[in-house]
Amino acid sequence: MSRLSPWATKVCALIKGGNSAAALAQIKVAPTVKDLKDLRTLLTSGKLLAEHPNVDAATQDAMAALSAPRLHRSP
């Protein structure tokens, strides 16, 4: 079993502490899809996704954005 990322545990702590605005800002600049999946795992196990639908939507949007192929432009 792989270890959860420290980023995910910190963002989860923000949500548990009631600072969902800061958590949303962190989700928008998430490093990788794996980190977002780890965060969703933590939130699902703590039943926080149901309480925070905006965080649920933000994590799904960020995963879609990070999974999509990048458009390349010439320099």
PDB file of N, CA and C in Angstrom:
ATOM      1  N   MET A   1       0.842  -1.173   0.000  1.00  0.00           N
ATOM      2  CA  MET A   1       0.000   0.000   0.000  1.00  0.00           C
ATOM      3  C   MET A   1       0.893   1.244   0.000  1.00  0.00           C
ATOM      4  N   SER A   2       0.581   2.164  -0.856  1.00  0.00           N
ATOM      5  CA  SER A   2       1.409   3.362  -0.944  1.00  0.00           C
ATOM      6  C   SER A   2       1.035   4.359   0.153  1.00  0.00           C
ATOM      7  N   ARG A   3       1.977   5.193   0.449  1.00  0.00           N
ATOM      8  CA  ARG A   3       1.752   6.206   1.483  1.00  0.00           C
ATOM      9  C   ARG A   3       1.004   7.383   0.883  1.00  0.00           C
ATOM     10  N   LEU A   4       0.203   8.025   1.701  1.00  0.00           N
ATOM     11  CA  LEU A   4      -0.503   9.217   1.265  1.00  0.00           C
ATOM     12  C   LEU A   4       0.479  10.379   1.202  1.00  0.00           C
ATOM     13  N   SER A   5       0.211  11.284   0.300  1.00  0.00           N
ATOM     14  CA  SER A   5       1.112  12.418   0.139  1.00  0.00           C
ATOM     15  C   SER A   5       0.924  13.408   1.287  1.00  0.00           C
ATOM     16  N   PRO A   6       1.988  14.094   1.683  1.00  0.00           N
ATOM     17  CA  PRO A   6       1.861  15.090   2.760  1.00  0.00           C
ATOM     18  C   PRO A   6       0.965  16.256   2.343  1.00  0.00           C
ATOM     19  N   TRP A   7       0.926  16.566   1.053  1.00  0.00           N
ATOM     20  CA  TRP A   7       0.060  17.636   0.567  1.00  0.00           C
ATOM     21  C   TRP A   7      -1.397  17.317   0.872  1.00  0.00           C
ATOM     22  N   ALA A   8      -1.789  16.079   0.617  1.00  0.00           N
ATOM     23  CA  ALA A   8      -3.181  15.676   0.829  1.00  0.00           C
ATOM     24  C   ALA A   8      -3.572  15.761   2.300  1.00  0.00           C
ATOM     25  N   THR A   9      -2.682  15.351   3.185  1.00  0.00           N
ATOM     26  CA  THR A   9      -3.013  15.409   4.606  1.00  0.00           C
ATOM     27  C   THR A   9      -3.123  16.856   5.096  1.00  0.00           C
ATOM     28  N   LYS A  10      -2.311  17.733   4.548  1.00  0.00           N
ATOM     29  CA  LYS A  10      -2.372  19.149   4.943  1.00  0.00           C
ATOM     30  C   LYS A  10      -3.649  19.807   4.446  1.00  0.00           C
ATOM     31  N   VAL A  11      -4.046  19.508   3.210  1.00  0.00           N
ATOM     32  CA  VAL A  11      -5.274  20.092   2.678  1.00  0.00           C
ATOM     33  C   VAL A  11      -6.485  19.518   3.406  1.00  0.00           C
ATOM     34  N   CYS A  12      -6.436  18.250   3.746  1.00  0.00           N
ATOM     35  CA  CYS A  12      -7.517  17.642   4.523  1.00  0.00           C
ATOM     36  C   CYS A  12      -7.640  18.308   5.895  1.00  0.00           C
ATOM     37  N   ALA A  13      -6.518  18.640   6.499  1.00  0.00           N
ATOM     38  CA  ALA A  13      -6.539  19.328   7.794  1.00  0.00           C
ATOM     39  C   ALA A  13      -7.162  20.719   7.657  1.00  0.00           C
ATOM     40  N   LEU A  14      -6.917  21.390   6.534  1.00  0.00           N
ATOM     41  CA  LEU A  14      -7.556  22.690   6.299  1.00  0.00           C
ATOM     42  C   LEU A  14      -9.070  22.551   6.244  1.00  0.00           C
ATOM     43  N   ILE A  15      -9.541  21.518   5.576  1.00  0.00           N
ATOM     44  CA  ILE A  15     -10.982  21.308   5.444  1.00  0.00           C
ATOM     45  C   ILE A  15     -11.586  20.941   6.790  1.00  0.00           C
ATOM     46  N   LYS A  16     -10.916  20.065   7.530  1.00  0.00           N
ATOM     47  CA  LYS A  16     -11.411  19.690   8.857  1.00  0.00           C
ATOM     48  C   LYS A  16     -11.440  20.884   9.799  1.00  0.00           C
ATOM     49  N   GLY A  17     -10.501  21.804   9.620  1.00  0.00           N
ATOM     50  CA  GLY A  17     -10.439  22.993  10.458  1.00  0.00           C
ATOM     51  C   GLY A  17     -11.444  24.063  10.066  1.00  0.00           C
ATOM     52  N   GLY A  18     -12.144  23.855   8.959  1.00  0.00           N
ATOM     53  CA  GLY A  18     -13.167  24.803   8.549  1.00  0.00           C
ATOM     54  C   GLY A  18     -12.696  25.871   7.585  1.00  0.00           C
ATOM     55  N   ASN A  19     -11.473  25.769   7.103  1.00  0.00           N
ATOM     56  CA  ASN A  19     -10.938  26.768   6.186  1.00  0.00           C
ATOM     57  C   ASN A  19     -11.002  26.216   4.756  1.00  0.00           C
ATOM     58  N   SER A  20     -12.238  26.070   4.257  1.00  0.00           N
ATOM     59  CA  SER A  20     -12.402  25.481   2.933  1.00  0.00           C
ATOM     60  C   SER A  20     -11.943  26.423   1.826  1.00  0.00           C
ATOM     61  N   ALA A  21     -11.933  27.728   2.060  1.00  0.00           N
ATOM     62  CA  ALA A  21     -11.455  28.667   1.041  1.00  0.00           C
ATOM     63  C   ALA A  21      -9.968  28.446   0.762  1.00  0.00           C
ATOM     64  N   ALA A  22      -9.183  28.247   1.807  1.00  0.00           N
ATOM     65  CA  ALA A  22      -7.754  27.973   1.627  1.00  0.00           C
ATOM     66  C   ALA A  22      -7.555  26.607   0.977  1.00  0.00           C
ATOM     67  N   ALA A  23      -8.397  25.648   1.330  1.00  0.00           N
ATOM     68  CA  ALA A  23      -8.298  24.321   0.728  1.00  0.00           C
ATOM     69  C   ALA A  23      -8.613  24.376  -0.759  1.00  0.00           C
ATOM     70  N   LEU A  24      -9.617  25.161  -1.140  1.00  0.00           N
ATOM     71  CA  LEU A  24      -9.962  25.304  -2.558  1.00  0.00           C
ATOM     72  C   LEU A  24      -8.813  25.946  -3.335  1.00  0.00           C
ATOM     73  N   ALA A  25      -8.153  26.910  -2.728  1.00  0.00           N
ATOM     74  CA  ALA A  25      -7.010  27.543  -3.385  1.00  0.00           C
ATOM     75  C   ALA A  25      -5.877  26.541  -3.578  1.00  0.00           C
ATOM     76  N   GLN A  26      -5.657  25.684  -2.604  1.00  0.00           N
ATOM     77  CA  GLN A  26      -4.623  24.656  -2.730  1.00  0.00           C
ATOM     78  C   GLN A  26      -4.989  23.602  -3.769  1.00  0.00           C
ATOM     79  N   ILE A  27      -6.272  23.272  -3.850  1.00  0.00           N
ATOM     80  CA  ILE A  27      -6.726  22.272  -4.814  1.00  0.00           C
ATOM     81  C   ILE A  27      -6.509  22.786  -6.236  1.00  0.00           C
ATOM     82  N   LYS A  28      -6.704  24.073  -6.447  1.00  0.00           N
ATOM     83  CA  LYS A  28      -6.522  24.646  -7.785  1.00  0.00           C
ATOM     84  C   LYS A  28      -5.078  24.538  -8.256  1.00  0.00           C
ATOM     85  N   VAL A  29      -4.123  24.500  -7.338  1.00  0.00           N
ATOM     86  CA  VAL A  29      -2.707  24.406  -7.703  1.00  0.00           C
ATOM     87  C   VAL A  29      -2.115  23.065  -7.258  1.00  0.00           C
ATOM     88  N   ALA A  30      -2.935  22.029  -7.282  1.00  0.00           N
ATOM     89  CA  ALA A  30      -2.489  20.699  -6.852  1.00  0.00           C
ATOM     90  C   ALA A  30      -1.334  20.218  -7.717  1.00  0.00           C
ATOM     91  N   PRO A  31      -0.348  19.572  -7.099  1.00  0.00           N
ATOM     92  CA  PRO A  31       0.838  19.141  -7.841  1.00  0.00           C
ATOM     93  C   PRO A  31       0.574  18.019  -8.852  1.00  0.00           C
ATOM     94  N   THR A  32      -0.158  16.970  -8.442  1.00  0.00           N
ATOM     95  CA  THR A  32      -0.374  15.830  -9.333  1.00  0.00           C
ATOM     96  C   THR A  32      -1.771  15.257  -9.133  1.00  0.00           C
ATOM     97  N   VAL A  33      -2.159  14.396 -10.065  1.00  0.00           N
ATOM     98  CA  VAL A  33      -3.444  13.709  -9.953  1.00  0.00           C
ATOM     99  C   VAL A  33      -3.421  12.752  -8.770  1.00  0.00           C
ATOM    100  N   LYS A  34      -2.259  12.119  -8.517  1.00  0.00           N
ATOM    101  CA  LYS A  34      -2.147  11.198  -7.386  1.00  0.00           C
ATOM    102  C   LYS A  34      -2.428  11.923  -6.072  1.00  0.00           C
ATOM    103  N   ASP A  35      -1.941  13.138  -5.939  1.00  0.00           N
ATOM    104  CA  ASP A  35      -2.204  13.905  -4.724  1.00  0.00           C
ATOM    105  C   ASP A  35      -3.698  14.181  -4.563  1.00  0.00           C
ATOM    106  N   LEU A  36      -4.363  14.491  -5.651  1.00  0.00           N
ATOM    107  CA  LEU A  36      -5.799  14.733  -5.589  1.00  0.00           C
ATOM    108  C   LEU A  36      -6.566  13.461  -5.246  1.00  0.00           C
ATOM    109  N   LYS A  37      -6.113  12.331  -5.792  1.00  0.00           N
ATOM    110  CA  LYS A  37      -6.761  11.059  -5.458  1.00  0.00           C
ATOM    111  C   LYS A  37      -6.554  10.724  -3.986  1.00  0.00           C
ATOM    112  N   ASP A  38      -5.353  10.996  -3.463  1.00  0.00           N
ATOM    113  CA  ASP A  38      -5.090  10.777  -2.043  1.00  0.00           C
ATOM    114  C   ASP A  38      -5.994  11.664  -1.185  1.00  0.00           C
ATOM    115  N   LEU A  39      -6.173  12.911  -1.607  1.00  0.00           N
ATOM    116  CA  LEU A  39      -7.049  13.822  -0.873  1.00  0.00           C
ATOM    117  C   LEU A  39      -8.479  13.314  -0.883  1.00  0.00           C
ATOM    118  N   ARG A  40      -8.955  12.864  -2.042  1.00  0.00           N
ATOM    119  CA  ARG A  40     -10.327  12.335  -2.122  1.00  0.00           C
ATOM    120  C   ARG A  40     -10.476  11.090  -1.251  1.00  0.00           C
ATOM    121  N   THR A  41      -9.425  10.272  -1.167  1.00  0.00           N
ATOM    122  CA  THR A  41      -9.472   9.093  -0.303  1.00  0.00           C
ATOM    123  C   THR A  41      -9.619   9.502   1.159  1.00  0.00           C
ATOM    124  N   LEU A  42      -8.834  10.489   1.571  1.00  0.00           N
ATOM    125  CA  LEU A  42      -8.927  10.971   2.953  1.00  0.00           C
ATOM    126  C   LEU A  42     -10.293  11.577   3.246  1.00  0.00           C
ATOM    127  N   LEU A  43     -10.792  12.353   2.317  1.00  0.00           N
ATOM    128  CA  LEU A  43     -12.083  13.011   2.533  1.00  0.00           C
ATOM    129  C   LEU A  43     -13.232  12.010   2.523  1.00  0.00           C
ATOM    130  N   THR A  44     -13.117  10.987   1.702  1.00  0.00           N
ATOM    131  CA  THR A  44     -14.158   9.964   1.665  1.00  0.00           C
ATOM    132  C   THR A  44     -14.172   9.154   2.958  1.00  0.00           C
ATOM    133  N   SER A  45     -12.989   8.819   3.454  1.00  0.00           N
ATOM    134  CA  SER A  45     -12.925   8.041   4.695  1.00  0.00           C
ATOM    135  C   SER A  45     -13.411   8.853   5.890  1.00  0.00           C
ATOM    136  N   GLY A  46     -13.255  10.166   5.843  1.00  0.00           N
ATOM    137  CA  GLY A  46     -13.734  11.024   6.919  1.00  0.00           C
ATOM    138  C   GLY A  46     -15.127  11.559   6.698  1.00  0.00           C
ATOM    139  N   LYS A  47     -15.784  11.117   5.615  1.00  0.00           N
ATOM    140  CA  LYS A  47     -17.142  11.542   5.260  1.00  0.00           C
ATOM    141  C   LYS A  47     -17.251  13.060   5.109  1.00  0.00           C
ATOM    142  N   LEU A  48     -16.190  13.683   4.595  1.00  0.00           N
ATOM    143  CA  LEU A  48     -16.178  15.135   4.422  1.00  0.00           C
ATOM    144  C   LEU A  48     -16.610  15.561   3.030  1.00  0.00           C
ATOM    145  N   LEU A  49     -16.574  14.652   2.051  1.00  0.00           N
ATOM    146  CA  LEU A  49     -16.998  15.023   0.703  1.00  0.00           C
ATOM    147  C   LEU A  49     -18.481  15.350   0.664  1.00  0.00           C
ATOM    148  N   ALA A  50     -19.275  14.634   1.441  1.00  0.00           N
ATOM    149  CA  ALA A  50     -20.717  14.894   1.473  1.00  0.00           C
ATOM    150  C   ALA A  50     -21.016  16.235   2.134  1.00  0.00           C
ATOM    151  N   GLU A  51     -20.186  16.621   3.091  1.00  0.00           N
ATOM    152  CA  GLU A  51     -20.400  17.882   3.807  1.00  0.00           C
ATOM    153  C   GLU A  51     -19.922  19.088   3.003  1.00  0.00           C
ATOM    154  N   HIS A  52     -18.977  18.880   2.097  1.00  0.00           N
ATOM    155  CA  HIS A  52     -18.385  19.972   1.319  1.00  0.00           C
ATOM    156  C   HIS A  52     -18.500  19.679  -0.176  1.00  0.00           C
ATOM    157  N   PRO A  53     -19.671  19.929  -0.767  1.00  0.00           N
ATOM    158  CA  PRO A  53     -19.822  19.633  -2.197  1.00  0.00           C
ATOM    159  C   PRO A  53     -18.947  20.505  -3.091  1.00  0.00           C
ATOM    160  N   ASN A  54     -18.598  21.711  -2.627  1.00  0.00           N
ATOM    161  CA  ASN A  54     -17.716  22.564  -3.431  1.00  0.00           C
ATOM    162  C   ASN A  54     -16.306  21.981  -3.506  1.00  0.00           C
ATOM    163  N   VAL A  55     -15.843  21.344  -2.465  1.00  0.00           N
ATOM    164  CA  VAL A  55     -14.529  20.685  -2.473  1.00  0.00           C
ATOM    165  C   VAL A  55     -14.573  19.462  -3.383  1.00  0.00           C
ATOM    166  N   ASP A  56     -15.680  18.748  -3.350  1.00  0.00           N
ATOM    167  CA  ASP A  56     -15.856  17.588  -4.222  1.00  0.00           C
ATOM    168  C   ASP A  56     -15.765  18.011  -5.685  1.00  0.00           C
ATOM    169  N   ALA A  57     -16.483  19.056  -6.044  1.00  0.00           N
ATOM    170  CA  ALA A  57     -16.466  19.542  -7.435  1.00  0.00           C
ATOM    171  C   ALA A  57     -15.087  20.062  -7.819  1.00  0.00           C
ATOM    172  N   ALA A  58     -14.426  20.756  -6.899  1.00  0.00           N
ATOM    173  CA  ALA A  58     -13.107  21.321  -7.196  1.00  0.00           C
ATOM    174  C   ALA A  58     -12.072  20.225  -7.419  1.00  0.00           C
ATOM    175  N   THR A  59     -12.121  19.155  -6.636  1.00  0.00           N
ATOM    176  CA  THR A  59     -11.161  18.073  -6.824  1.00  0.00           C
ATOM    177  C   THR A  59     -11.397  17.359  -8.147  1.00  0.00           C
ATOM    178  N   GLN A  60     -12.658  17.164  -8.515  1.00  0.00           N
ATOM    179  CA  GLN A  60     -12.949  16.520  -9.798  1.00  0.00           C
ATOM    180  C   GLN A  60     -12.504  17.397 -10.965  1.00  0.00           C
ATOM    181  N   ASP A  61     -12.751  18.695 -10.869  1.00  0.00           N
ATOM    182  CA  ASP A  61     -12.320  19.613 -11.931  1.00  0.00           C
ATOM    183  C   ASP A  61     -10.800  19.642 -12.055  1.00  0.00           C
ATOM    184  N   ALA A  62     -10.103  19.669 -10.927  1.00  0.00           N
ATOM    185  CA  ALA A  62      -8.642  19.716 -10.953  1.00  0.00           C
ATOM    186  C   ALA A  62      -8.060  18.421 -11.515  1.00  0.00           C
ATOM    187  N   MET A  63      -8.672  17.282 -11.177  1.00  0.00           N
ATOM    188  CA  MET A  63      -8.193  16.012 -11.729  1.00  0.00           C
ATOM    189  C   MET A  63      -8.400  15.976 -13.237  1.00  0.00           C
ATOM    190  N   ALA A  64      -9.515  16.496 -13.710  1.00  0.00           N
ATOM    191  CA  ALA A  64      -9.771  16.528 -15.150  1.00  0.00           C
ATOM    192  C   ALA A  64      -8.770  17.449 -15.847  1.00  0.00           C
ATOM    193  N   ALA A  65      -8.465  18.578 -15.222  1.00  0.00           N
ATOM    194  CA  ALA A  65      -7.525  19.519 -15.828  1.00  0.00           C
ATOM    195  C   ALA A  65      -6.108  18.954 -15.871  1.00  0.00           C
ATOM    196  N   LEU A  66      -5.711  18.261 -14.816  1.00  0.00           N
ATOM    197  CA  LEU A  66      -4.360  17.696 -14.793  1.00  0.00           C
ATOM    198  C   LEU A  66      -4.239  16.453 -15.674  1.00  0.00           C
ATOM    199  N   SER A  67      -5.340  15.758 -15.914  1.00  0.00           N
ATOM    200  CA  SER A  67      -5.308  14.547 -16.732  1.00  0.00           C
ATOM    201  C   SER A  67      -5.356  14.857 -18.218  1.00  0.00           C
ATOM    202  N   ALA A  68      -5.894  15.999 -18.579  1.00  0.00           N
ATOM    203  CA  ALA A  68      -6.045  16.348 -19.997  1.00  0.00           C
ATOM    204  C   ALA A  68      -4.692  16.617 -20.628  1.00  0.00           C
ATOM    205  N   PRO A  69      -4.569  16.280 -21.897  1.00  0.00           N
ATOM    206  CA  PRO A  69      -3.303  16.593 -22.577  1.00  0.00           C
ATOM    207  C   PRO A  69      -3.130  18.096 -22.709  1.00  0.00           C
ATOM    208  N   ARG A  70      -1.918  18.516 -22.605  1.00  0.00           N
ATOM    209  CA  ARG A  70      -1.606  19.936 -22.688  1.00  0.00           C
ATOM    210  C   ARG A  70      -1.560  20.376 -24.138  1.00  0.00           C
ATOM    211  N   LEU A  71      -2.013  21.563 -24.402  1.00  0.00           N
ATOM    212  CA  LEU A  71      -1.868  22.151 -25.728  1.00  0.00           C
ATOM    213  C   LEU A  71      -0.506  22.831 -25.790  1.00  0.00           C
ATOM    214  N   HIS A  72       0.242  22.536 -26.798  1.00  0.00           N
ATOM    215  CA  HIS A  72       1.575  23.113 -26.926  1.00  0.00           C
ATOM    216  C   HIS A  72       1.507  24.320 -27.849  1.00  0.00           C
ATOM    217  N   ARG A  73       2.232  25.318 -27.505  1.00  0.00           N
ATOM    218  CA  ARG A  73       2.296  26.484 -28.374  1.00  0.00           C
ATOM    219  C   ARG A  73       3.765  26.800 -28.647  1.00  0.00           C
ATOM    220  N   SER A  74       3.976  27.378 -29.777  1.00  0.00           N
ATOM    221  CA  SER A  74       5.356  27.674 -30.143  1.00  0.00           C
ATOM    222  C   SER A  74       5.883  28.853 -29.343  1.00  0.00           C
ATOM    223  N   PRO A  75       7.168  28.882 -29.092  1.00  0.00           N
ATOM    224  CA  PRO A  75       7.743  29.961 -28.279  1.00  0.00           C
ATOM    225  C   PRO A  75       7.766  31.300 -28.995  1.00  0.00           C
TER     226      PRO A  75
END
